[in-house]
PDB file of N, CA and C in Angstrom:
ATOM      1  N   MET A   1       0.850  -1.166  -0.005  1.00  0.00           N
ATOM      2  CA  MET A   1      -0.003  -0.006   0.004  1.00  0.00           C
ATOM      3  C   MET A   1       0.892   1.230  -0.002  1.00  0.00           C
ATOM      4  N   GLY A   2       0.879   1.978  -1.085  1.00  0.00           N
ATOM      5  CA  GLY A   2       1.759   3.120  -1.216  1.00  0.00           C
ATOM      6  C   GLY A   2       1.032   4.432  -1.070  1.00  0.00           C
ATOM      7  N   PHE A   3       1.824   5.444  -0.764  1.00  0.00           N
ATOM      8  CA  PHE A   3       1.291   6.797  -0.623  1.00  0.00           C
ATOM      9  C   PHE A   3       1.285   7.446  -1.987  1.00  0.00           C
ATOM     10  N   SER A   4       0.192   8.092  -2.353  1.00  0.00           N
ATOM     11  CA  SER A   4       0.083   8.720  -3.641  1.00  0.00           C
ATOM     12  C   SER A   4      -0.234  10.214  -3.458  1.00  0.00           C
ATOM     13  N   ILE A   5       0.616  11.047  -3.970  1.00  0.00           N
ATOM     14  CA  ILE A   5       0.374  12.494  -3.907  1.00  0.00           C
ATOM     15  C   ILE A   5      -0.835  12.845  -4.745  1.00  0.00           C
ATOM     16  N   GLY A   6      -0.956  12.234  -5.903  1.00  0.00           N
ATOM     17  CA  GLY A   6      -2.116  12.498  -6.750  1.00  0.00           C
ATOM     18  C   GLY A   6      -3.402  12.097  -6.081  1.00  0.00           C
ATOM     19  N   GLY A   7      -3.383  10.970  -5.366  1.00  0.00           N
ATOM     20  CA  GLY A   7      -4.573  10.535  -4.645  1.00  0.00           C
ATOM     21  C   GLY A   7      -4.941  11.485  -3.516  1.00  0.00           C
ATOM     22  N   LEU A   8      -3.927  11.972  -2.802  1.00  0.00           N
ATOM     23  CA  LEU A   8      -4.164  12.915  -1.711  1.00  0.00           C
ATOM     24  C   LEU A   8      -4.759  14.219  -2.242  1.00  0.00           C
ATOM     25  N   VAL A   9      -4.178  14.762  -3.292  1.00  0.00           N
ATOM     26  CA  VAL A   9      -4.668  16.013  -3.884  1.00  0.00           C
ATOM     27  C   VAL A   9      -6.083  15.803  -4.417  1.00  0.00           C
ATOM     28  N   SER A  10      -6.322  14.677  -5.048  1.00  0.00           N
ATOM     29  CA  SER A  10      -7.650  14.370  -5.552  1.00  0.00           C
ATOM     30  C   SER A  10      -8.668  14.260  -4.417  1.00  0.00           C
ATOM     31  N   ASP A  11      -8.289  13.674  -3.308  1.00  0.00           N
ATOM     32  CA  ASP A  11      -9.181  13.549  -2.152  1.00  0.00           C
ATOM     33  C   ASP A  11      -9.512  14.934  -1.556  1.00  0.00           C
ATOM     34  N   VAL A  12      -8.533  15.819  -1.521  1.00  0.00           N
ATOM     35  CA  VAL A  12      -8.777  17.171  -1.029  1.00  0.00           C
ATOM     36  C   VAL A  12      -9.740  17.915  -1.957  1.00  0.00           C
ATOM     37  N   ILE A  13      -9.557  17.714  -3.261  1.00  0.00           N
ATOM     38  CA  ILE A  13     -10.475  18.327  -4.227  1.00  0.00           C
ATOM     39  C   ILE A  13     -11.882  17.749  -4.055  1.00  0.00           C
ATOM     40  N   GLN A  14     -12.004  16.453  -3.796  1.00  0.00           N
ATOM     41  CA  GLN A  14     -13.315  15.844  -3.545  1.00  0.00           C
ATOM     42  C   GLN A  14     -13.973  16.472  -2.313  1.00  0.00           C
ATOM     43  N   LEU A  15     -13.207  16.656  -1.244  1.00  0.00           N
ATOM     44  CA  LEU A  15     -13.729  17.274  -0.037  1.00  0.00           C
ATOM     45  C   LEU A  15     -14.196  18.712  -0.301  1.00  0.00           C
ATOM     46  N   TYR A  16     -13.401  19.439  -1.056  1.00  0.00           N
ATOM     47  CA  TYR A  16     -13.781  20.806  -1.407  1.00  0.00           C
ATOM     48  C   TYR A  16     -15.048  20.838  -2.241  1.00  0.00           C
ATOM     49  N   SER A  17     -15.178  19.898  -3.159  1.00  0.00           N
ATOM     50  CA  SER A  17     -16.396  19.799  -3.988  1.00  0.00           C
ATOM     51  C   SER A  17     -17.601  19.498  -3.128  1.00  0.00           C
ATOM     52  N   PHE A  18     -17.431  18.657  -2.125  1.00  0.00           N
ATOM     53  CA  PHE A  18     -18.531  18.330  -1.208  1.00  0.00           C
ATOM     54  C   PHE A  18     -18.940  19.583  -0.412  1.00  0.00           C
ATOM     55  N   LEU A  19     -17.959  20.357   0.049  1.00  0.00           N
ATOM     56  CA  LEU A  19     -18.261  21.594   0.757  1.00  0.00           C
ATOM     57  C   LEU A  19     -18.972  22.585  -0.156  1.00  0.00           C
ATOM     58  N   MET A  20     -18.588  22.603  -1.433  1.00  0.00           N
ATOM     59  CA  MET A  20     -19.254  23.489  -2.392  1.00  0.00           C
ATOM     60  C   MET A  20     -20.699  23.052  -2.611  1.00  0.00           C
ATOM     61  N   LEU A  21     -20.942  21.765  -2.617  1.00  0.00           N
ATOM     62  CA  LEU A  21     -22.312  21.261  -2.760  1.00  0.00           C
ATOM     63  C   LEU A  21     -23.153  21.689  -1.555  1.00  0.00           C
ATOM     64  N   ILE A  22     -22.603  21.575  -0.350  1.00  0.00           N
ATOM     65  CA  ILE A  22     -23.318  22.022   0.864  1.00  0.00           C
ATOM     66  C   ILE A  22     -23.581  23.528   0.780  1.00  0.00           C
ATOM     67  N   TRP A  23     -22.603  24.292   0.308  1.00  0.00           N
ATOM     68  CA  TRP A  23     -22.755  25.736   0.149  1.00  0.00           C
ATOM     69  C   TRP A  23     -23.895  26.070  -0.816  1.00  0.00           C
ATOM     70  N   CYS A  24     -23.963  25.330  -1.929  1.00  0.00           N
ATOM     71  CA  CYS A  24     -25.026  25.542  -2.907  1.00  0.00           C
ATOM     72  C   CYS A  24     -26.394  25.201  -2.319  1.00  0.00           C
ATOM     73  N   LEU A  25     -26.486  24.112  -1.592  1.00  0.00           N
ATOM     74  CA  LEU A  25     -27.744  23.714  -0.980  1.00  0.00           C
ATOM     75  C   LEU A  25     -28.188  24.754   0.057  1.00  0.00           C
ATOM     76  N   CYS A  26     -27.260  25.264   0.817  1.00  0.00           N
ATOM     77  CA  CYS A  26     -27.602  26.285   1.837  1.00  0.00           C
ATOM     78  C   CYS A  26     -28.122  27.549   1.162  1.00  0.00           C
ATOM     79  N   SER A  27     -27.642  27.841  -0.023  1.00  0.00           N
ATOM     80  CA  SER A  27     -28.070  29.081  -0.690  1.00  0.00           C
ATOM     81  C   SER A  27     -29.544  29.041  -1.096  1.00  0.00           C
ATOM     82  N   TRP A  28     -30.136  27.871  -1.128  1.00  0.00           N
ATOM     83  CA  TRP A  28     -31.564  27.757  -1.473  1.00  0.00           C
ATOM     84  C   TRP A  28     -32.465  28.184  -0.344  1.00  0.00           C
ATOM     85  N   PHE A  29     -31.928  28.255   0.870  1.00  0.00           N
ATOM     86  CA  PHE A  29     -32.734  28.601   2.038  1.00  0.00           C
ATOM     87  C   PHE A  29     -32.526  30.072   2.403  1.00  0.00           C
ATOM     88  N   PRO A  30     -33.572  30.874   2.299  1.00  0.00           N
ATOM     89  CA  PRO A  30     -33.385  32.314   2.555  1.00  0.00           C
ATOM     90  C   PRO A  30     -33.097  32.672   3.997  1.00  0.00           C
ATOM     91  N   ASN A  31     -33.357  31.780   4.927  1.00  0.00           N
ATOM     92  CA  ASN A  31     -33.150  32.087   6.343  1.00  0.00           C
ATOM     93  C   ASN A  31     -31.741  31.783   6.833  1.00  0.00           C
ATOM     94  N   VAL A  32     -30.860  31.317   5.954  1.00  0.00           N
ATOM     95  CA  VAL A  32     -29.480  31.041   6.347  1.00  0.00           C
ATOM     96  C   VAL A  32     -28.787  32.390   6.613  1.00  0.00           C
ATOM     97  N   ARG A  33     -28.185  32.504   7.755  1.00  0.00           N
ATOM     98  CA  ARG A  33     -27.467  33.720   8.133  1.00  0.00           C
ATOM     99  C   ARG A  33     -25.996  33.553   7.756  1.00  0.00           C
ATOM    100  N   TRP A  34     -25.600  34.093   6.640  1.00  0.00           N
ATOM    101  CA  TRP A  34     -24.249  33.908   6.119  1.00  0.00           C
ATOM    102  C   TRP A  34     -23.201  34.626   6.970  1.00  0.00           C
ATOM    103  N   TYR A  35     -23.613  35.498   7.853  1.00  0.00           N
ATOM    104  CA  TYR A  35     -22.658  36.207   8.705  1.00  0.00           C
ATOM    105  C   TYR A  35     -22.434  35.490  10.044  1.00  0.00           C
ATOM    106  N   ASP A  36     -23.136  34.387  10.284  1.00  0.00           N
ATOM    107  CA  ASP A  36     -22.956  33.566  11.490  1.00  0.00           C
ATOM    108  C   ASP A  36     -22.143  32.318  11.137  1.00  0.00           C
ATOM    109  N   GLN A  37     -21.515  31.757  12.160  1.00  0.00           N
ATOM    110  CA  GLN A  37     -20.782  30.490  11.983  1.00  0.00           C
ATOM    111  C   GLN A  37     -21.768  29.347  11.942  1.00  0.00           C
ATOM    112  N   PRO A  38     -21.554  28.298  11.244  1.00  0.00           N
ATOM    113  CA  PRO A  38     -20.411  27.912  10.401  1.00  0.00           C
ATOM    114  C   PRO A  38     -20.523  28.428   8.982  1.00  0.00           C
ATOM    115  N   PHE A  39     -21.651  29.125   8.653  1.00  0.00           N
ATOM    116  CA  PHE A  39     -21.870  29.547   7.284  1.00  0.00           C
ATOM    117  C   PHE A  39     -20.875  30.602   6.821  1.00  0.00           C
ATOM    118  N   LYS A  40     -20.439  31.449   7.730  1.00  0.00           N
ATOM    119  CA  LYS A  40     -19.452  32.483   7.401  1.00  0.00           C
ATOM    120  C   LYS A  40     -18.137  31.831   6.945  1.00  0.00           C
ATOM    121  N   THR A  41     -17.701  30.801   7.651  1.00  0.00           N
ATOM    122  CA  THR A  41     -16.482  30.103   7.275  1.00  0.00           C
ATOM    123  C   THR A  41     -16.649  29.354   5.960  1.00  0.00           C
ATOM    124  N   LEU A  42     -17.772  28.706   5.797  1.00  0.00           N
ATOM    125  CA  LEU A  42     -18.048  27.981   4.558  1.00  0.00           C
ATOM    126  C   LEU A  42     -18.040  28.945   3.371  1.00  0.00           C
ATOM    127  N   ASP A  43     -18.674  30.081   3.530  1.00  0.00           N
ATOM    128  CA  ASP A  43     -18.707  31.083   2.459  1.00  0.00           C
ATOM    129  C   ASP A  43     -17.301  31.609   2.158  1.00  0.00           C
ATOM    130  N   ALA A  44     -16.501  31.823   3.198  1.00  0.00           N
ATOM    131  CA  ALA A  44     -15.136  32.313   3.009  1.00  0.00           C
ATOM    132  C   ALA A  44     -14.241  31.308   2.297  1.00  0.00           C
ATOM    133  N   ILE A  45     -14.562  30.021   2.473  1.00  0.00           N
ATOM    134  CA  ILE A  45     -13.779  28.980   1.804  1.00  0.00           C
ATOM    135  C   ILE A  45     -14.177  28.825   0.339  1.00  0.00           C
ATOM    136  N   ILE A  46     -15.458  28.970   0.054  1.00  0.00           N
ATOM    137  CA  ILE A  46     -15.954  28.683  -1.287  1.00  0.00           C
ATOM    138  C   ILE A  46     -15.882  29.909  -2.201  1.00  0.00           C
ATOM    139  N   GLN A  47     -16.147  31.086  -1.716  1.00  0.00           N
ATOM    140  CA  GLN A  47     -16.199  32.277  -2.571  1.00  0.00           C
ATOM    141  C   GLN A  47     -14.947  32.535  -3.404  1.00  0.00           C
ATOM    142  N   PRO A  48     -13.721  32.346  -2.900  1.00  0.00           N
ATOM    143  CA  PRO A  48     -12.550  32.622  -3.734  1.00  0.00           C
ATOM    144  C   PRO A  48     -12.481  31.756  -4.993  1.00  0.00           C
ATOM    145  N   VAL A  49     -13.066  30.564  -4.971  1.00  0.00           N
ATOM    146  CA  VAL A  49     -13.034  29.701  -6.163  1.00  0.00           C
ATOM    147  C   VAL A  49     -14.176  30.038  -7.089  1.00  0.00           C
ATOM    148  N   VAL A  50     -15.337  30.374  -6.530  1.00  0.00           N
ATOM    149  CA  VAL A  50     -16.510  30.626  -7.361  1.00  0.00           C
ATOM    150  C   VAL A  50     -16.461  32.020  -8.002  1.00  0.00           C
ATOM    151  N   ALA A  51     -15.856  32.990  -7.330  1.00  0.00           N
ATOM    152  CA  ALA A  51     -15.840  34.380  -7.797  1.00  0.00           C
ATOM    153  C   ALA A  51     -15.269  34.536  -9.206  1.00  0.00           C
ATOM    154  N   PRO A  52     -14.142  33.900  -9.588  1.00  0.00           N
ATOM    155  CA  PRO A  52     -13.658  34.065 -10.966  1.00  0.00           C
ATOM    156  C   PRO A  52     -14.639  33.512 -12.001  1.00  0.00           C
ATOM    157  N   PHE A  53     -15.326  32.440 -11.676  1.00  0.00           N
ATOM    158  CA  PHE A  53     -16.308  31.886 -12.590  1.00  0.00           C
ATOM    159  C   PHE A  53     -17.504  32.843 -12.740  1.00  0.00           C
ATOM    160  N   ARG A  54     -17.896  33.502 -11.644  1.00  0.00           N
ATOM    161  CA  ARG A  54     -18.991  34.464 -11.707  1.00  0.00           C
ATOM    162  C   ARG A  54     -18.661  35.653 -12.589  1.00  0.00           C
ATOM    163  N   ARG A  55     -17.386  36.051 -12.619  1.00  0.00           N
ATOM    164  CA  ARG A  55     -17.006  37.171 -13.467  1.00  0.00           C
ATOM    165  C   ARG A  55     -17.077  36.822 -14.936  1.00  0.00           C
ATOM    166  N   VAL A  56     -16.938  35.535 -15.285  1.00  0.00           N
ATOM    167  CA  VAL A  56     -16.922  35.104 -16.678  1.00  0.00           C
ATOM    168  C   VAL A  56     -18.296  34.608 -17.136  1.00  0.00           C
ATOM    169  N   ILE A  57     -19.033  33.937 -16.269  1.00  0.00           N
ATOM    170  CA  ILE A  57     -20.289  33.307 -16.637  1.00  0.00           C
ATOM    171  C   ILE A  57     -21.453  34.138 -16.074  1.00  0.00           C
ATOM    172  N   PRO A  58     -22.232  34.748 -16.959  1.00  0.00           N
ATOM    173  CA  PRO A  58     -23.366  35.534 -16.462  1.00  0.00           C
ATOM    174  C   PRO A  58     -24.526  34.634 -16.021  1.00  0.00           C
ATOM    175  N   PRO A  59     -25.359  35.114 -15.101  1.00  0.00           N
ATOM    176  CA  PRO A  59     -26.538  34.328 -14.707  1.00  0.00           C
ATOM    177  C   PRO A  59     -27.487  34.168 -15.903  1.00  0.00           C
ATOM    178  N   ILE A  60     -28.144  33.047 -15.972  1.00  0.00           N
ATOM    179  CA  ILE A  60     -29.115  32.772 -17.007  1.00  0.00           C
ATOM    180  C   ILE A  60     -30.483  32.720 -16.334  1.00  0.00           C
ATOM    181  N   ASN A  61     -31.359  33.671 -16.701  1.00  0.00           N
ATOM    182  CA  ASN A  61     -32.684  33.778 -16.075  1.00  0.00           C
ATOM    183  C   ASN A  61     -32.591  33.836 -14.552  1.00  0.00           C
ATOM    184  N   ASN A  62     -31.664  34.618 -14.046  1.00  0.00           N
ATOM    185  CA  ASN A  62     -31.419  34.787 -12.613  1.00  0.00           C
ATOM    186  C   ASN A  62     -30.974  33.507 -11.912  1.00  0.00           C
ATOM    187  N   ILE A  63     -30.435  32.570 -12.656  1.00  0.00           N
ATOM    188  CA  ILE A  63     -29.892  31.337 -12.075  1.00  0.00           C
ATOM    189  C   ILE A  63     -28.376  31.389 -12.257  1.00  0.00           C
ATOM    190  N   ASP A  64     -27.669  31.334 -11.151  1.00  0.00           N
ATOM    191  CA  ASP A  64     -26.193  31.393 -11.178  1.00  0.00           C
ATOM    192  C   ASP A  64     -25.650  29.989 -11.393  1.00  0.00           C
ATOM    193  N   LEU A  65     -25.086  29.762 -12.576  1.00  0.00           N
ATOM    194  CA  LEU A  65     -24.524  28.454 -12.919  1.00  0.00           C
ATOM    195  C   LEU A  65     -23.033  28.343 -12.593  1.00  0.00           C
ATOM    196  N   SER A  66     -22.428  29.443 -12.140  1.00  0.00           N
ATOM    197  CA  SER A  66     -20.989  29.426 -11.895  1.00  0.00           C
ATOM    198  C   SER A  66     -20.545  28.391 -10.859  1.00  0.00           C
ATOM    199  N   PRO A  67     -21.299  28.141  -9.758  1.00  0.00           N
ATOM    200  CA  PRO A  67     -20.832  27.092  -8.829  1.00  0.00           C
ATOM    201  C   PRO A  67     -20.848  25.704  -9.473  1.00  0.00           C
ATOM    202  N   MET A  68     -21.822  25.446 -10.348  1.00  0.00           N
ATOM    203  CA  MET A  68     -21.881  24.136 -11.010  1.00  0.00           C
ATOM    204  C   MET A  68     -20.708  23.986 -11.979  1.00  0.00           C
ATOM    205  N   ILE A  69     -20.394  25.045 -12.710  1.00  0.00           N
ATOM    206  CA  ILE A  69     -19.247  24.993 -13.626  1.00  0.00           C
ATOM    207  C   ILE A  69     -17.953  24.842 -12.839  1.00  0.00           C
ATOM    208  N   ALA A  70     -17.827  25.566 -11.722  1.00  0.00           N
ATOM    209  CA  ALA A  70     -16.636  25.466 -10.886  1.00  0.00           C
ATOM    210  C   ALA A  70     -16.476  24.046 -10.348  1.00  0.00           C
ATOM    211  N   MET A  71     -17.584  23.431  -9.939  1.00  0.00           N
ATOM    212  CA  MET A  71     -17.527  22.070  -9.432  1.00  0.00           C
ATOM    213  C   MET A  71     -17.110  21.084 -10.538  1.00  0.00           C
ATOM    214  N   ALA A  72     -17.617  21.283 -11.739  1.00  0.00           N
ATOM    215  CA  ALA A  72     -17.239  20.414 -12.860  1.00  0.00           C
ATOM    216  C   ALA A  72     -15.754  20.540 -13.162  1.00  0.00           C
ATOM    217  N   VAL A  73     -15.230  21.781 -13.141  1.00  0.00           N
ATOM    218  CA  VAL A  73     -13.803  22.014 -13.387  1.00  0.00           C
ATOM    219  C   VAL A  73     -12.969  21.357 -12.278  1.00  0.00           C
ATOM    220  N   LEU A  74     -13.418  21.491 -11.032  1.00  0.00           N
ATOM    221  CA  LEU A  74     -12.695  20.847  -9.930  1.00  0.00           C
ATOM    222  C   LEU A  74     -12.673  19.329 -10.092  1.00  0.00           C
ATOM    223  N   GLN A  75     -13.785  18.753 -10.485  1.00  0.00           N
ATOM    224  CA  GLN A  75     -13.838  17.304 -10.689  1.00  0.00           C
ATOM    225  C   GLN A  75     -12.863  16.886 -11.795  1.00  0.00           C
ATOM    226  N   PHE A  76     -12.837  17.649 -12.885  1.00  0.00           N
ATOM    227  CA  PHE A  76     -11.909  17.362 -13.978  1.00  0.00           C
ATOM    228  C   PHE A  76     -10.469  17.428 -13.494  1.00  0.00           C
ATOM    229  N   VAL A  77     -10.133  18.484 -12.754  1.00  0.00           N
ATOM    230  CA  VAL A  77      -8.783  18.629 -12.216  1.00  0.00           C
ATOM    231  C   VAL A  77      -8.437  17.484 -11.275  1.00  0.00           C
ATOM    232  N   GLY A  78      -9.403  17.079 -10.443  1.00  0.00           N
ATOM    233  CA  GLY A  78      -9.174  15.951  -9.535  1.00  0.00           C
ATOM    234  C   GLY A  78      -8.861  14.668 -10.270  1.00  0.00           C
ATOM    235  N   VAL A  79      -9.596  14.378 -11.324  1.00  0.00           N
ATOM    236  CA  VAL A  79      -9.326  13.161 -12.111  1.00  0.00           C
ATOM    237  C   VAL A  79      -7.978  13.271 -12.814  1.00  0.00           C
ATOM    238  N   PHE A  80      -7.675  14.431 -13.374  1.00  0.00           N
ATOM    239  CA  PHE A  80      -6.398  14.651 -14.049  1.00  0.00           C
ATOM    240  C   PHE A  80      -5.238  14.451 -13.093  1.00  0.00           C
ATOM    241  N   VAL A  81      -5.339  15.032 -11.902  1.00  0.00           N
ATOM    242  CA  VAL A  81      -4.260  14.947 -10.917  1.00  0.00           C
ATOM    243  C   VAL A  81      -4.091  13.503 -10.447  1.00  0.00           C
ATOM    244  N   ARG A  82      -5.202  12.823 -10.195  1.00  0.00           N
ATOM    245  CA  ARG A  82      -5.116  11.436  -9.709  1.00  0.00           C
ATOM    246  C   ARG A  82      -4.425  10.542 -10.758  1.00  0.00           C
ATOM    247  N   ASN A  83      -4.701  10.793 -12.042  1.00  0.00           N
ATOM    248  CA  ASN A  83      -4.152   9.937 -13.082  1.00  0.00           C
ATOM    249  C   ASN A  83      -2.750  10.331 -13.524  1.00  0.00           C
ATOM    250  N   SER A  84      -2.336  11.586 -13.218  1.00  0.00           N
ATOM    251  CA  SER A  84      -1.043  12.008 -13.742  1.00  0.00           C
ATOM    252  C   SER A  84       0.072  12.075 -12.705  1.00  0.00           C
ATOM    253  N   LEU A  85      -0.283  12.281 -11.441  1.00  0.00           N
ATOM    254  CA  LEU A  85       0.756  12.340 -10.411  1.00  0.00           C
ATOM    255  C   LEU A  85       0.942  10.951  -9.783  1.00  0.00           C
ATOM    256  N   PRO A  86       2.186  10.644  -9.390  1.00  0.00           N
ATOM    257  CA  PRO A  86       2.432   9.344  -8.772  1.00  0.00           C
ATOM    258  C   PRO A  86       1.816   9.212  -7.399  1.00  0.00           C
TER     259      PRO A  86
END
């Protein structure tokens, strides 16, 4: 059983994608207080990755698709890293 850097990086990306999914689900509820913990920390972790996608991808009919695109890109990077790094 060997240690794989690619596997570790891929697992971290998977965890981040899971946190992004939780962040997206929380955004559906209007009573979530984003300035209280743990939502404030979750938002601070996810926003830096989603923000560049928001600048490039406009909302379609008031639906923000940038988190979904960001998650797809993260998944692609995770698979690429797992398969290319030892």
